[in-house]
Amino acid sequence: MHWSAGAEAYVTPVGPRCVNLAFLWQEDAISEKASFESLLDRFPALGERVRGATLESEARGSGPLSRPVKARVARG
């Protein structure tokens, strides 16, 4: 896990020389349009390790993930 202002990066090994890289970010905290490269730029040390690597798939996304709470289910 890597943290930056308004963004998080998650690196998960999926093979001997292959990782999955996922980003979560707050849309209001990032002024430019979020792209793989612009998000990776927020994590310089991570970028140094993965830039130039062969991509196994295209960038994918989903969201927004925030959902309003309708009611509390349990205490706390």
PDB file of N, CA and C in Angstrom:
ATOM      1  N   MET A   1       0.841  -1.167   0.000  1.00  0.00           N
ATOM      2  CA  MET A   1       0.000   0.000   0.000  1.00  0.00           C
ATOM      3  C   MET A   1       0.889   1.234   0.000  1.00  0.00           C
ATOM      4  N   HIS A   2       0.461   2.208  -0.766  1.00  0.00           N
ATOM      5  CA  HIS A   2       1.163   3.485  -0.846  1.00  0.00           C
ATOM      6  C   HIS A   2       0.123   4.585  -0.707  1.00  0.00           C
ATOM      7  N   TRP A   3       0.473   5.656   0.004  1.00  0.00           N
ATOM      8  CA  TRP A   3      -0.463   6.754   0.230  1.00  0.00           C
ATOM      9  C   TRP A   3       0.098   8.041  -0.322  1.00  0.00           C
ATOM     10  N   SER A   4      -0.799   8.866  -0.822  1.00  0.00           N
ATOM     11  CA  SER A   4      -0.487  10.199  -1.299  1.00  0.00           C
ATOM     12  C   SER A   4      -1.688  11.075  -0.931  1.00  0.00           C
ATOM     13  N   ALA A   5      -1.546  12.374  -1.023  1.00  0.00           N
ATOM     14  CA  ALA A   5      -2.668  13.262  -0.716  1.00  0.00           C
ATOM     15  C   ALA A   5      -3.838  12.953  -1.638  1.00  0.00           C
ATOM     16  N   GLY A   6      -4.932  12.463  -1.076  1.00  0.00           N
ATOM     17  CA  GLY A   6      -6.136  12.183  -1.839  1.00  0.00           C
ATOM     18  C   GLY A   6      -6.127  10.925  -2.662  1.00  0.00           C
ATOM     19  N   ALA A   7      -5.075  10.079  -2.527  1.00  0.00           N
ATOM     20  CA  ALA A   7      -5.000   8.856  -3.339  1.00  0.00           C
ATOM     21  C   ALA A   7      -4.276   7.743  -2.586  1.00  0.00           C
ATOM     22  N   GLU A   8      -4.610   6.524  -2.968  1.00  0.00           N
ATOM     23  CA  GLU A   8      -3.958   5.326  -2.427  1.00  0.00           C
ATOM     24  C   GLU A   8      -3.619   4.406  -3.595  1.00  0.00           C
ATOM     25  N   ALA A   9      -2.504   3.702  -3.497  1.00  0.00           N
ATOM     26  CA  ALA A   9      -2.112   2.724  -4.509  1.00  0.00           C
ATOM     27  C   ALA A   9      -1.921   1.374  -3.819  1.00  0.00           C
ATOM     28  N   TYR A  10      -2.473   0.344  -4.424  1.00  0.00           N
ATOM     29  CA  TYR A  10      -2.381  -1.013  -3.885  1.00  0.00           C
ATOM     30  C   TYR A  10      -1.651  -1.885  -4.895  1.00  0.00           C
ATOM     31  N   VAL A  11      -0.586  -2.544  -4.456  1.00  0.00           N
ATOM     32  CA  VAL A  11       0.203  -3.423  -5.316  1.00  0.00           C
ATOM     33  C   VAL A  11       0.023  -4.845  -4.801  1.00  0.00           C
ATOM     34  N   THR A  12      -0.458  -5.722  -5.672  1.00  0.00           N
ATOM     35  CA  THR A  12      -0.729  -7.105  -5.291  1.00  0.00           C
ATOM     36  C   THR A  12       0.019  -8.046  -6.226  1.00  0.00           C
ATOM     37  N   PRO A  13       0.899  -8.902  -5.691  1.00  0.00           N
ATOM     38  CA  PRO A  13       1.582  -9.873  -6.555  1.00  0.00           C
ATOM     39  C   PRO A  13       0.574 -10.871  -7.131  1.00  0.00           C
ATOM     40  N   VAL A  14       0.684 -11.128  -8.438  1.00  0.00           N
ATOM     41  CA  VAL A  14      -0.180 -12.122  -9.081  1.00  0.00           C
ATOM     42  C   VAL A  14       0.624 -13.176  -9.831  1.00  0.00           C
ATOM     43  N   GLY A  15       1.926 -13.089  -9.773  1.00  0.00           N
ATOM     44  CA  GLY A  15       2.809 -14.050 -10.423  1.00  0.00           C
ATOM     45  C   GLY A  15       4.240 -13.751 -10.045  1.00  0.00           C
ATOM     46  N   PRO A  16       5.184 -14.586 -10.478  1.00  0.00           N
ATOM     47  CA  PRO A  16       6.595 -14.395 -10.104  1.00  0.00           C
ATOM     48  C   PRO A  16       7.156 -13.034 -10.529  1.00  0.00           C
ATOM     49  N   ARG A  17       6.702 -12.510 -11.657  1.00  0.00           N
ATOM     50  CA  ARG A  17       7.195 -11.215 -12.137  1.00  0.00           C
ATOM     51  C   ARG A  17       6.038 -10.334 -12.607  1.00  0.00           C
ATOM     52  N   CYS A  18       4.906 -10.465 -11.924  1.00  0.00           N
ATOM     53  CA  CYS A  18       3.713  -9.730 -12.334  1.00  0.00           C
ATOM     54  C   CYS A  18       2.955  -9.233 -11.102  1.00  0.00           C
ATOM     55  N   VAL A  19       2.529  -7.972 -11.140  1.00  0.00           N
ATOM     56  CA  VAL A  19       1.733  -7.411 -10.043  1.00  0.00           C
ATOM     57  C   VAL A  19       0.489  -6.746 -10.605  1.00  0.00           C
ATOM     58  N   ASN A  20      -0.518  -6.658  -9.774  1.00  0.00           N
ATOM     59  CA  ASN A  20      -1.711  -5.870 -10.070  1.00  0.00           C
ATOM     60  C   ASN A  20      -1.537  -4.542  -9.350  1.00  0.00           C
ATOM     61  N   LEU A  21      -1.851  -3.462 -10.014  1.00  0.00           N
ATOM     62  CA  LEU A  21      -1.737  -2.134  -9.425  1.00  0.00           C
ATOM     63  C   LEU A  21      -3.108  -1.478  -9.487  1.00  0.00           C
ATOM     64  N   ALA A  22      -3.642  -1.130  -8.315  1.00  0.00           N
ATOM     65  CA  ALA A  22      -4.970  -0.511  -8.230  1.00  0.00           C
ATOM     66  C   ALA A  22      -4.864   0.816  -7.490  1.00  0.00           C
ATOM     67  N   PHE A  23      -5.649   1.772  -7.934  1.00  0.00           N
ATOM     68  CA  PHE A  23      -5.685   3.089  -7.301  1.00  0.00           C
ATOM     69  C   PHE A  23      -7.085   3.377  -6.779  1.00  0.00           C
ATOM     70  N   LEU A  24      -7.138   4.022  -5.633  1.00  0.00           N
ATOM     71  CA  LEU A  24      -8.362   4.625  -5.118  1.00  0.00           C
ATOM     72  C   LEU A  24      -8.038   6.090  -4.912  1.00  0.00           C
ATOM     73  N   TRP A  25      -8.955   6.983  -5.288  1.00  0.00           N
ATOM     74  CA  TRP A  25      -8.692   8.406  -5.109  1.00  0.00           C
ATOM     75  C   TRP A  25      -9.984   9.153  -4.872  1.00  0.00           C
ATOM     76  N   GLN A  26      -9.818  10.316  -4.251  1.00  0.00           N
ATOM     77  CA  GLN A  26     -10.938  11.226  -4.031  1.00  0.00           C
ATOM     78  C   GLN A  26     -10.972  12.180  -5.206  1.00  0.00           C
ATOM     79  N   GLU A  27     -12.061  12.149  -5.926  1.00  0.00           N
ATOM     80  CA  GLU A  27     -12.158  12.965  -7.132  1.00  0.00           C
ATOM     81  C   GLU A  27     -11.954  14.449  -6.840  1.00  0.00           C
ATOM     82  N   ASP A  28     -12.470  14.914  -5.714  1.00  0.00           N
ATOM     83  CA  ASP A  28     -12.334  16.331  -5.390  1.00  0.00           C
ATOM     84  C   ASP A  28     -10.925  16.704  -4.926  1.00  0.00           C
ATOM     85  N   ALA A  29     -10.080  15.729  -4.643  1.00  0.00           N
ATOM     86  CA  ALA A  29      -8.714  16.001  -4.183  1.00  0.00           C
ATOM     87  C   ALA A  29      -7.706  16.027  -5.329  1.00  0.00           C
ATOM     88  N   ILE A  30      -8.126  15.614  -6.524  1.00  0.00           N
ATOM     89  CA  ILE A  30      -7.224  15.559  -7.676  1.00  0.00           C
ATOM     90  C   ILE A  30      -7.776  16.487  -8.747  1.00  0.00           C
ATOM     91  N   SER A  31      -7.002  17.511  -9.104  1.00  0.00           N
ATOM     92  CA  SER A  31      -7.508  18.534 -10.011  1.00  0.00           C
ATOM     93  C   SER A  31      -7.538  18.068 -11.470  1.00  0.00           C
ATOM     94  N   GLU A  32      -6.550  17.265 -11.895  1.00  0.00           N
ATOM     95  CA  GLU A  32      -6.524  16.821 -13.287  1.00  0.00           C
ATOM     96  C   GLU A  32      -7.396  15.576 -13.458  1.00  0.00           C
ATOM     97  N   LYS A  33      -7.710  15.256 -14.702  1.00  0.00           N
ATOM     98  CA  LYS A  33      -8.473  14.037 -14.973  1.00  0.00           C
ATOM     99  C   LYS A  33      -7.617  12.841 -14.566  1.00  0.00           C
ATOM    100  N   ALA A  34      -8.183  11.952 -13.787  1.00  0.00           N
ATOM    101  CA  ALA A  34      -7.431  10.797 -13.294  1.00  0.00           C
ATOM    102  C   ALA A  34      -7.188   9.808 -14.427  1.00  0.00           C
ATOM    103  N   SER A  35      -5.924   9.522 -14.686  1.00  0.00           N
ATOM    104  CA  SER A  35      -5.524   8.490 -15.640  1.00  0.00           C
ATOM    105  C   SER A  35      -4.482   7.630 -14.923  1.00  0.00           C
ATOM    106  N   PHE A  36      -4.156   6.493 -15.489  1.00  0.00           N
ATOM    107  CA  PHE A  36      -3.149   5.636 -14.872  1.00  0.00           C
ATOM    108  C   PHE A  36      -1.856   6.421 -14.657  1.00  0.00           C
ATOM    109  N   GLU A  37      -1.408   7.125 -15.683  1.00  0.00           N
ATOM    110  CA  GLU A  37      -0.146   7.866 -15.578  1.00  0.00           C
ATOM    111  C   GLU A  37      -0.225   9.003 -14.562  1.00  0.00           C
ATOM    112  N   SER A  38      -1.321   9.751 -14.557  1.00  0.00           N
ATOM    113  CA  SER A  38      -1.415  10.873 -13.615  1.00  0.00           C
ATOM    114  C   SER A  38      -1.491  10.376 -12.174  1.00  0.00           C
ATOM    115  N   LEU A  39      -2.148   9.245 -11.966  1.00  0.00           N
ATOM    116  CA  LEU A  39      -2.193   8.674 -10.610  1.00  0.00           C
ATOM    117  C   LEU A  39      -0.828   8.127 -10.220  1.00  0.00           C
ATOM    118  N   LEU A  40      -0.156   7.438 -11.141  1.00  0.00           N
ATOM    119  CA  LEU A  40       1.178   6.904 -10.840  1.00  0.00           C
ATOM    120  C   LEU A  40       2.161   8.029 -10.526  1.00  0.00           C
ATOM    121  N   ASP A  41       2.010   9.180 -11.158  1.00  0.00           N
ATOM    122  CA  ASP A  41       2.884  10.333 -10.881  1.00  0.00           C
ATOM    123  C   ASP A  41       2.804  10.775  -9.424  1.00  0.00           C
ATOM    124  N   ARG A  42       1.721  10.475  -8.741  1.00  0.00           N
ATOM    125  CA  ARG A  42       1.555  10.859  -7.336  1.00  0.00           C
ATOM    126  C   ARG A  42       2.369   9.970  -6.399  1.00  0.00           C
ATOM    127  N   PHE A  43       2.962   8.892  -6.934  1.00  0.00           N
ATOM    128  CA  PHE A  43       3.728   7.925  -6.140  1.00  0.00           C
ATOM    129  C   PHE A  43       5.091   7.717  -6.803  1.00  0.00           C
ATOM    130  N   PRO A  44       6.028   8.663  -6.633  1.00  0.00           N
ATOM    131  CA  PRO A  44       7.316   8.603  -7.343  1.00  0.00           C
ATOM    132  C   PRO A  44       8.105   7.313  -7.112  1.00  0.00           C
ATOM    133  N   ALA A  45       8.176   6.828  -5.888  1.00  0.00           N
ATOM    134  CA  ALA A  45       8.956   5.602  -5.625  1.00  0.00           C
ATOM    135  C   ALA A  45       8.331   4.406  -6.326  1.00  0.00           C
ATOM    136  N   LEU A  46       7.021   4.320  -6.318  1.00  0.00           N
ATOM    137  CA  LEU A  46       6.324   3.235  -7.005  1.00  0.00           C
ATOM    138  C   LEU A  46       6.514   3.368  -8.516  1.00  0.00           C
ATOM    139  N   GLY A  47       6.407   4.586  -9.012  1.00  0.00           N
ATOM    140  CA  GLY A  47       6.601   4.829 -10.438  1.00  0.00           C
ATOM    141  C   GLY A  47       7.961   4.377 -10.927  1.00  0.00           C
ATOM    142  N   GLU A  48       9.005   4.612 -10.132  1.00  0.00           N
ATOM    143  CA  GLU A  48      10.356   4.183 -10.499  1.00  0.00           C
ATOM    144  C   GLU A  48      10.422   2.672 -10.694  1.00  0.00           C
ATOM    145  N   ARG A  49       9.652   1.938  -9.911  1.00  0.00           N
ATOM    146  CA  ARG A  49       9.703   0.470  -9.970  1.00  0.00           C
ATOM    147  C   ARG A  49       8.885  -0.120 -11.112  1.00  0.00           C
ATOM    148  N   VAL A  50       7.805   0.554 -11.519  1.00  0.00           N
ATOM    149  CA  VAL A  50       6.926  -0.073 -12.507  1.00  0.00           C
ATOM    150  C   VAL A  50       6.937   0.582 -13.889  1.00  0.00           C
ATOM    151  N   ARG A  51       7.446   1.807 -14.011  1.00  0.00           N
ATOM    152  CA  ARG A  51       7.458   2.445 -15.340  1.00  0.00           C
ATOM    153  C   ARG A  51       8.309   1.624 -16.301  1.00  0.00           C
ATOM    154  N   GLY A  52       7.801   1.467 -17.497  1.00  0.00           N
ATOM    155  CA  GLY A  52       8.516   0.707 -18.511  1.00  0.00           C
ATOM    156  C   GLY A  52       8.194  -0.779 -18.486  1.00  0.00           C
ATOM    157  N   ALA A  53       7.452  -1.225 -17.484  1.00  0.00           N
ATOM    158  CA  ALA A  53       7.078  -2.637 -17.417  1.00  0.00           C
ATOM    159  C   ALA A  53       6.039  -2.939 -18.498  1.00  0.00           C
ATOM    160  N   THR A  54       6.005  -4.171 -18.940  1.00  0.00           N
ATOM    161  CA  THR A  54       5.016  -4.600 -19.924  1.00  0.00           C
ATOM    162  C   THR A  54       3.643  -4.648 -19.280  1.00  0.00           C
ATOM    163  N   LEU A  55       2.664  -4.011 -19.915  1.00  0.00           N
ATOM    164  CA  LEU A  55       1.297  -4.036 -19.410  1.00  0.00           C
ATOM    165  C   LEU A  55       0.608  -5.314 -19.879  1.00  0.00           C
ATOM    166  N   GLU A  56      -0.048  -5.979 -18.959  1.00  0.00           N
ATOM    167  CA  GLU A  56      -0.756  -7.214 -19.281  1.00  0.00           C
ATOM    168  C   GLU A  56      -2.194  -6.955 -19.708  1.00  0.00           C
ATOM    169  N   SER A  57      -2.741  -5.791 -19.360  1.00  0.00           N
ATOM    170  CA  SER A  57      -4.107  -5.447 -19.757  1.00  0.00           C
ATOM    171  C   SER A  57      -4.244  -3.933 -19.784  1.00  0.00           C
ATOM    172  N   GLU A  58      -5.352  -3.461 -20.303  1.00  0.00           N
ATOM    173  CA  GLU A  58      -5.612  -2.029 -20.332  1.00  0.00           C
ATOM    174  C   GLU A  58      -6.088  -1.572 -18.958  1.00  0.00           C
ATOM    175  N   ALA A  59      -6.011  -0.271 -18.734  1.00  0.00           N
ATOM    176  CA  ALA A  59      -6.504   0.286 -17.475  1.00  0.00           C
ATOM    177  C   ALA A  59      -8.017   0.112 -17.432  1.00  0.00           C
ATOM    178  N   ARG A  60      -8.523  -0.251 -16.270  1.00  0.00           N
ATOM    179  CA  ARG A  60      -9.965  -0.435 -16.079  1.00  0.00           C
ATOM    180  C   ARG A  60     -10.381   0.348 -14.850  1.00  0.00           C
ATOM    181  N   GLY A  61     -11.651   0.617 -14.740  1.00  0.00           N
ATOM    182  CA  GLY A  61     -12.104   1.366 -13.576  1.00  0.00           C
ATOM    183  C   GLY A  61     -13.561   1.122 -13.269  1.00  0.00           C
ATOM    184  N   SER A  62     -13.924   1.521 -12.072  1.00  0.00           N
ATOM    185  CA  SER A  62     -15.325   1.499 -11.661  1.00  0.00           C
ATOM    186  C   SER A  62     -15.513   2.538 -10.580  1.00  0.00           C
ATOM    187  N   GLY A  63     -16.733   2.887 -10.359  1.00  0.00           N
ATOM    188  CA  GLY A  63     -17.023   3.851  -9.314  1.00  0.00           C
ATOM    189  C   GLY A  63     -18.008   4.868  -9.812  1.00  0.00           C
ATOM    190  N   PRO A  64     -18.387   5.813  -9.045  1.00  0.00           N
ATOM    191  CA  PRO A  64     -17.844   6.107  -7.711  1.00  0.00           C
ATOM    192  C   PRO A  64     -18.261   5.053  -6.700  1.00  0.00           C
ATOM    193  N   LEU A  65     -17.413   4.848  -5.718  1.00  0.00           N
ATOM    194  CA  LEU A  65     -17.648   3.812  -4.726  1.00  0.00           C
ATOM    195  C   LEU A  65     -18.311   4.336  -3.459  1.00  0.00           C
ATOM    196  N   SER A  66     -18.350   5.639  -3.257  1.00  0.00           N
ATOM    197  CA  SER A  66     -18.961   6.168  -2.035  1.00  0.00           C
ATOM    198  C   SER A  66     -20.476   6.040  -2.131  1.00  0.00           C
ATOM    199  N   ARG A  67     -21.077   5.649  -1.053  1.00  0.00           N
ATOM    200  CA  ARG A  67     -22.521   5.484  -0.988  1.00  0.00           C
ATOM    201  C   ARG A  67     -23.030   6.120   0.289  1.00  0.00           C
ATOM    202  N   PRO A  68     -24.142   6.845   0.229  1.00  0.00           N
ATOM    203  CA  PRO A  68     -24.695   7.417   1.456  1.00  0.00           C
ATOM    204  C   PRO A  68     -25.266   6.322   2.345  1.00  0.00           C
ATOM    205  N   VAL A  69     -25.184   6.524   3.629  1.00  0.00           N
ATOM    206  CA  VAL A  69     -25.719   5.566   4.607  1.00  0.00           C
ATOM    207  C   VAL A  69     -27.165   5.931   4.882  1.00  0.00           C
ATOM    208  N   LYS A  70     -28.059   4.954   4.762  1.00  0.00           N
ATOM    209  CA  LYS A  70     -29.476   5.208   5.002  1.00  0.00           C
ATOM    210  C   LYS A  70     -29.829   5.045   6.473  1.00  0.00           C
ATOM    211  N   ALA A  71     -29.207   4.063   7.131  1.00  0.00           N
ATOM    212  CA  ALA A  71     -29.515   3.818   8.547  1.00  0.00           C
ATOM    213  C   ALA A  71     -28.371   3.049   9.167  1.00  0.00           C
ATOM    214  N   ARG A  72     -28.205   3.232  10.465  1.00  0.00           N
ATOM    215  CA  ARG A  72     -27.209   2.482  11.201  1.00  0.00           C
ATOM    216  C   ARG A  72     -27.757   1.083  11.450  1.00  0.00           C
ATOM    217  N   VAL A  73     -26.912   0.071  11.269  1.00  0.00           N
ATOM    218  CA  VAL A  73     -27.335  -1.318  11.435  1.00  0.00           C
ATOM    219  C   VAL A  73     -26.985  -1.847  12.816  1.00  0.00           C
ATOM    220  N   ALA A  74     -25.835  -1.433  13.340  1.00  0.00           N
ATOM    221  CA  ALA A  74     -25.398  -1.916  14.645  1.00  0.00           C
ATOM    222  C   ALA A  74     -24.719  -0.769  15.389  1.00  0.00           C
ATOM    223  N   ARG A  75     -24.630  -0.893  16.657  1.00  0.00           N
ATOM    224  CA  ARG A  75     -23.975   0.120  17.475  1.00  0.00           C
ATOM    225  C   ARG A  75     -22.513   0.264  17.056  1.00  0.00           C
ATOM    226  N   GLY A  76     -22.053   1.498  16.971  1.00  0.00           N
ATOM    227  CA  GLY A  76     -20.639   1.758  16.653  1.00  0.00           C
ATOM    228  C   GLY A  76     -20.384   1.795  15.200  1.00  0.00           C
TER     229      GLY A  76
END
